[in-house]
Amino acid sequence: MAERLSAEARKQALGGLPGWTEAQGRDAIGKTFVFKDFNEAFGFMTRAALVAEKMDHHPEWRNVYKTVEVVLSTHDAGGVTARDTALAKAMNAIAG
């Protein structure tokens, strides 16, 4: 099982993840991605889903037209772990 990050480690990790913030009311991180249109948003989700599946770490996300809201938390660890920050970094790279 992945180990939950301390508050300090999470803060440090977020410093290297542009656009990601602590999710309000829970031990999670989140980001809202806004794309040119639905096609770009859906393409991002498809590419991110392939990475998430390979990592066996699946995001909570919501898509409305060109906006994708993502929340990451490692449920079996009860909060944010290195798996979440790695997926967040990959998502930033996919989004460009």
C-alpha atoms as a PDB file:
ATOM      1  CA  MET A   1       0.000   0.000   0.000  1.00  0.00           C
ATOM      2  CA  ALA A   2       1.198   3.511  -0.833  1.00  0.00           C
ATOM      3  CA  GLU A   3       2.105   5.766   2.086  1.00  0.00           C
ATOM      4  CA  ARG A   4       0.153   8.960   2.643  1.00  0.00           C
ATOM      5  CA  LEU A   5       2.181  12.152   2.236  1.00  0.00           C
ATOM      6  CA  SER A   6       2.664  14.388   5.254  1.00  0.00           C
ATOM      7  CA  ALA A   7       1.215  17.894   5.045  1.00  0.00           C
ATOM      8  CA  GLU A   8       4.711  19.265   4.384  1.00  0.00           C
ATOM      9  CA  ALA A   9       5.494  16.690   1.682  1.00  0.00           C
ATOM     10  CA  ARG A  10       2.145  17.364  -0.015  1.00  0.00           C
ATOM     11  CA  LYS A  11       2.795  21.120   0.071  1.00  0.00           C
ATOM     12  CA  GLN A  12       6.238  20.585  -1.445  1.00  0.00           C
ATOM     13  CA  ALA A  13       4.853  18.285  -4.147  1.00  0.00           C
ATOM     14  CA  LEU A  14       2.129  20.787  -5.053  1.00  0.00           C
ATOM     15  CA  GLY A  15       4.841  23.415  -5.555  1.00  0.00           C
ATOM     16  CA  GLY A  16       6.040  21.388  -8.539  1.00  0.00           C
ATOM     17  CA  LEU A  17       2.559  20.779  -9.980  1.00  0.00           C
ATOM     18  CA  PRO A  18       1.292  23.947 -11.687  1.00  0.00           C
ATOM     19  CA  GLY A  19      -2.451  24.445 -11.266  1.00  0.00           C
ATOM     20  CA  TRP A  20      -2.972  21.710  -8.693  1.00  0.00           C
ATOM     21  CA  THR A  21      -4.331  22.651  -5.266  1.00  0.00           C
ATOM     22  CA  GLU A  22      -5.521  20.896  -2.146  1.00  0.00           C
ATOM     23  CA  ALA A  23      -9.133  19.802  -2.487  1.00  0.00           C
ATOM     24  CA  GLN A  24     -11.382  21.455   0.040  1.00  0.00           C
ATOM     25  CA  GLY A  25     -12.726  19.301   2.830  1.00  0.00           C
ATOM     26  CA  ARG A  26     -10.678  16.189   2.097  1.00  0.00           C
ATOM     27  CA  ASP A  27      -7.165  14.801   1.785  1.00  0.00           C
ATOM     28  CA  ALA A  28      -6.944  15.109  -2.000  1.00  0.00           C
ATOM     29  CA  ILE A  29      -5.554  17.329  -4.743  1.00  0.00           C
ATOM     30  CA  GLY A  30      -7.445  18.770  -7.654  1.00  0.00           C
ATOM     31  CA  LYS A  31      -7.200  20.750 -10.845  1.00  0.00           C
ATOM     32  CA  THR A  32      -9.589  22.073 -13.464  1.00  0.00           C
ATOM     33  CA  PHE A  33      -8.363  21.740 -17.038  1.00  0.00           C
ATOM     34  CA  VAL A  34     -10.001  23.921 -19.698  1.00  0.00           C
ATOM     35  CA  PHE A  35      -9.494  23.031 -23.350  1.00  0.00           C
ATOM     36  CA  LYS A  36     -10.380  24.607 -26.692  1.00  0.00           C
ATOM     37  CA  ASP A  37     -13.436  22.388 -27.185  1.00  0.00           C
ATOM     38  CA  PHE A  38     -15.041  19.063 -26.259  1.00  0.00           C
ATOM     39  CA  ASN A  39     -12.849  17.112 -28.672  1.00  0.00           C
ATOM     40  CA  GLU A  40      -9.654  18.324 -26.958  1.00  0.00           C
ATOM     41  CA  ALA A  41     -11.110  17.663 -23.509  1.00  0.00           C
ATOM     42  CA  PHE A  42     -12.171  14.142 -24.454  1.00  0.00           C
ATOM     43  CA  GLY A  43      -8.805  13.453 -26.103  1.00  0.00           C
ATOM     44  CA  PHE A  44      -7.068  14.514 -22.880  1.00  0.00           C
ATOM     45  CA  MET A  45      -9.284  12.199 -20.857  1.00  0.00           C
ATOM     46  CA  THR A  46      -8.600   9.295 -23.203  1.00  0.00           C
ATOM     47  CA  ARG A  47      -4.823   9.745 -23.021  1.00  0.00           C
ATOM     48  CA  ALA A  48      -4.939  10.279 -19.248  1.00  0.00           C
ATOM     49  CA  ALA A  49      -7.100   7.168 -18.837  1.00  0.00           C
ATOM     50  CA  LEU A  50      -4.453   5.039 -20.569  1.00  0.00           C
ATOM     51  CA  VAL A  51      -1.771   6.333 -18.189  1.00  0.00           C
ATOM     52  CA  ALA A  52      -4.029   5.890 -15.157  1.00  0.00           C
ATOM     53  CA  GLU A  53      -4.846   2.319 -16.172  1.00  0.00           C
ATOM     54  CA  LYS A  54      -1.176   1.492 -16.603  1.00  0.00           C
ATOM     55  CA  MET A  55      -0.519   2.935 -13.115  1.00  0.00           C
ATOM     56  CA  ASP A  56      -3.596   1.111 -11.737  1.00  0.00           C
ATOM     57  CA  HIS A  57      -4.543   4.446 -10.199  1.00  0.00           C
ATOM     58  CA  HIS A  58      -7.796   5.972 -11.363  1.00  0.00           C
ATOM     59  CA  PRO A  59      -8.875   9.602 -11.018  1.00  0.00           C
ATOM     60  CA  GLU A  60     -12.169  11.044  -9.911  1.00  0.00           C
ATOM     61  CA  TRP A  61     -13.126  13.333 -12.741  1.00  0.00           C
ATOM     62  CA  ARG A  62     -15.984  15.178 -14.343  1.00  0.00           C
ATOM     63  CA  ASN A  63     -16.285  16.507 -17.884  1.00  0.00           C
ATOM     64  CA  VAL A  64     -18.630  19.222 -19.086  1.00  0.00           C
ATOM     65  CA  TYR A  65     -18.013  20.328 -22.671  1.00  0.00           C
ATOM     66  CA  LYS A  66     -14.434  21.697 -22.709  1.00  0.00           C
ATOM     67  CA  THR A  67     -13.772  21.487 -18.953  1.00  0.00           C
ATOM     68  CA  VAL A  68     -12.357  18.504 -17.062  1.00  0.00           C
ATOM     69  CA  GLU A  69     -12.314  18.636 -13.254  1.00  0.00           C
ATOM     70  CA  VAL A  70      -9.927  16.136 -11.667  1.00  0.00           C
ATOM     71  CA  VAL A  71      -9.544  15.039  -8.027  1.00  0.00           C
ATOM     72  CA  LEU A  72      -6.792  12.640  -6.995  1.00  0.00           C
ATOM     73  CA  SER A  73      -6.520  10.709  -3.740  1.00  0.00           C
ATOM     74  CA  THR A  74      -5.306   7.218  -2.932  1.00  0.00           C
ATOM     75  CA  HIS A  75      -8.368   5.735  -1.270  1.00  0.00           C
ATOM     76  CA  ASP A  76      -6.684   2.721   0.352  1.00  0.00           C
ATOM     77  CA  ALA A  77      -4.098   5.087   1.937  1.00  0.00           C
ATOM     78  CA  GLY A  78      -6.745   7.568   3.060  1.00  0.00           C
ATOM     79  CA  GLY A  79      -5.240  10.553   1.274  1.00  0.00           C
ATOM     80  CA  VAL A  80      -2.634  11.924  -1.102  1.00  0.00           C
ATOM     81  CA  THR A  81       0.346   9.712  -1.950  1.00  0.00           C
ATOM     82  CA  ALA A  82       3.213   9.783  -4.423  1.00  0.00           C
ATOM     83  CA  ARG A  83       0.901   7.912  -6.833  1.00  0.00           C
ATOM     84  CA  ASP A  84      -1.369  10.956  -6.946  1.00  0.00           C
ATOM     85  CA  THR A  85       1.434  13.415  -7.561  1.00  0.00           C
ATOM     86  CA  ALA A  86       2.864  11.168 -10.300  1.00  0.00           C
ATOM     87  CA  LEU A  87      -0.514  10.990 -12.050  1.00  0.00           C
ATOM     88  CA  ALA A  88      -0.964  14.754 -11.660  1.00  0.00           C
ATOM     89  CA  LYS A  89       2.427  15.327 -13.277  1.00  0.00           C
ATOM     90  CA  ALA A  90       1.508  13.000 -16.140  1.00  0.00           C
ATOM     91  CA  MET A  91      -1.829  14.783 -16.628  1.00  0.00           C
ATOM     92  CA  ASN A  92      -0.085  18.161 -16.800  1.00  0.00           C
ATOM     93  CA  ALA A  93       2.254  16.769 -19.449  1.00  0.00           C
ATOM     94  CA  ILE A  94      -0.636  15.326 -21.457  1.00  0.00           C
ATOM     95  CA  ALA A  95      -2.533  18.623 -21.305  1.00  0.00           C
ATOM     96  CA  GLY A  96       0.563  20.442 -22.560  1.00  0.00           C
END
